[in-house]
Amino acid sequence: MKKKILVVDDEKNIRLLLQEELTDEGYDVIMADRGETALKMIEEEKPDLVTLDIKMPGEDGLSILRKIREIEYDLPVIICSAYSVYKSDFSAVAADHYVVKSSDFDELKTKIKEILSYET
């Protein structure tokens, strides 16, 4: 059975690019453009992993990460942000990994594969 990944990013182009990249890797990909939508999708869709942007309209990704940990503590979350400055933010420590966005998704795909293969 395919693993399901929830991509949470307010930038449509990033969501579509990640969807294409991760679908090519064999994952089912669902997407949310904001944290509030992501929280609903986590409860309804039960993804195996979440990639989460930090800078989004409404609640930021670190606030959403805290809420994810409250409802699904063991759900793996990878913060995927263009801002490396948040890497040292204490709130970001609750994530399973932190990847700085770039045009090359190899690091993200490698971390996803490591986390999901470790779980099985």
Protein backbone atom coordinates (compact mmCIF):
# COMPACT_ATOMS: atom_id res chain seq x y z
CA MET A 1 0.00 0.00 0.00
CA LYS A 2 1.28 3.44 -0.94
CA LYS A 3 2.32 5.80 1.82
CA LYS A 4 0.33 9.05 1.96
CA ILE A 5 2.09 12.40 2.34
CA LEU A 6 0.38 15.67 3.21
CA VAL A 7 2.16 18.68 1.68
CA VAL A 8 1.30 21.92 3.49
CA ASP A 9 2.49 25.07 1.73
CA ASP A 10 0.79 28.34 0.83
CA GLU A 11 2.65 28.58 -2.49
CA LYS A 12 0.69 26.71 -5.16
CA ASN A 13 3.76 26.17 -7.38
CA ILE A 14 5.69 24.57 -4.52
CA ARG A 15 2.74 22.28 -3.72
CA LEU A 16 2.42 21.20 -7.35
CA LEU A 17 6.17 20.65 -7.72
CA LEU A 18 6.29 18.56 -4.54
CA GLN A 19 3.22 16.64 -5.63
CA GLU A 20 4.92 15.74 -8.91
CA GLU A 21 8.25 14.86 -7.28
CA LEU A 22 6.69 12.72 -4.54
CA THR A 23 4.18 11.03 -6.84
CA ASP A 24 7.13 10.04 -9.05
CA GLU A 25 8.67 8.47 -5.93
CA GLY A 26 5.56 6.31 -5.50
CA TYR A 27 3.69 8.20 -2.78
CA ASP A 28 0.06 9.31 -2.64
CA VAL A 29 0.13 13.07 -2.18
CA ILE A 30 -2.55 15.26 -0.68
CA MET A 31 -2.17 19.01 -0.31
CA ALA A 32 -3.24 21.89 1.91
CA ASP A 33 -2.59 25.60 1.40
CA ARG A 34 -2.83 26.55 5.08
CA GLY A 35 -2.44 25.03 8.51
CA GLU A 36 -6.10 24.97 9.46
CA THR A 37 -6.91 22.91 6.36
CA ALA A 38 -3.99 20.61 7.12
CA LEU A 39 -5.31 19.85 10.62
CA LYS A 40 -8.66 18.79 9.17
CA MET A 41 -6.95 16.66 6.53
CA ILE A 42 -4.81 14.94 9.15
CA GLU A 43 -7.94 13.79 10.97
CA GLU A 44 -9.84 12.82 7.80
CA GLU A 45 -7.08 11.45 5.54
CA LYS A 46 -4.66 9.96 8.11
CA PRO A 47 -1.42 10.73 6.21
CA ASP A 48 1.77 8.82 7.00
CA LEU A 49 3.93 11.97 6.95
CA VAL A 50 3.52 15.76 6.70
CA THR A 51 5.79 18.31 5.04
CA LEU A 52 5.08 21.68 6.60
CA ASP A 53 6.01 25.21 5.54
CA ILE A 54 6.55 27.80 8.30
CA LYS A 55 5.56 31.11 6.70
CA MET A 56 1.88 30.85 5.77
CA PRO A 57 -1.17 33.09 6.07
CA GLY A 58 -3.17 32.58 9.25
CA GLU A 59 -1.34 30.41 11.74
CA ASP A 60 2.32 29.80 11.00
CA GLY A 61 3.79 26.34 10.59
CA LEU A 62 5.34 26.20 14.06
CA SER A 63 1.94 26.83 15.65
CA ILE A 64 0.41 24.13 13.43
CA LEU A 65 3.25 21.77 14.38
CA ARG A 66 2.33 22.16 18.07
CA LYS A 67 -1.30 21.32 17.24
CA ILE A 68 -0.27 18.29 15.17
CA ARG A 69 1.74 17.01 18.15
CA GLU A 70 -1.35 17.41 20.35
CA ILE A 71 -3.62 15.37 18.06
CA GLU A 72 -1.22 12.90 16.39
CA TYR A 73 1.97 12.87 18.44
CA ASP A 74 3.69 10.12 16.43
CA LEU A 75 2.87 11.54 12.97
CA PRO A 76 6.21 12.36 11.30
CA VAL A 77 6.55 16.02 10.33
CA ILE A 78 9.29 17.51 8.18
CA ILE A 79 9.51 21.28 8.23
CA CYS A 80 10.27 22.45 4.71
CA SER A 81 11.01 26.16 4.78
CA ALA A 82 12.94 28.69 2.74
CA TYR A 83 14.15 30.22 6.02
CA SER A 84 17.04 28.43 7.68
CA VAL A 85 16.87 30.86 10.63
CA TYR A 86 13.98 28.85 12.10
CA LYS A 87 16.15 25.74 12.24
CA SER A 88 17.40 26.83 15.66
CA ASP A 89 13.95 27.89 16.90
CA PHE A 90 13.01 25.77 19.90
CA SER A 91 9.53 25.14 18.45
CA ALA A 92 11.07 23.57 15.35
CA VAL A 93 12.73 20.91 17.49
CA ALA A 94 9.36 19.13 17.71
CA ALA A 95 9.65 18.30 13.99
CA ASP A 96 11.29 15.06 12.88
CA HIS A 97 13.50 16.94 10.45
CA TYR A 98 14.07 20.41 8.99
CA VAL A 99 14.83 20.88 5.30
CA VAL A 100 15.64 24.23 3.72
CA LYS A 101 13.66 24.62 0.48
CA SER A 102 15.63 24.67 -2.73
CA SER A 103 15.06 23.76 -6.34
CA ASP A 104 16.59 20.36 -5.53
CA PHE A 105 14.23 18.14 -3.53
CA ASP A 106 16.76 15.33 -3.04
CA GLU A 107 17.36 16.04 0.66
CA LEU A 108 13.62 16.14 1.33
CA LYS A 109 12.97 12.93 -0.63
CA THR A 110 15.83 11.19 1.19
CA LYS A 111 14.50 12.21 4.61
CA ILE A 112 10.96 11.11 3.69
CA LYS A 113 12.26 7.74 2.54
CA GLU A 114 14.33 7.32 5.73
CA ILE A 115 11.45 8.21 8.03
CA LEU A 116 8.83 6.10 6.25
CA SER A 117 11.07 3.06 5.85
CA TYR A 118 12.05 3.30 9.54
CA GLU A 119 8.36 3.14 10.50
CA THR A 120 7.58 -0.10 8.68
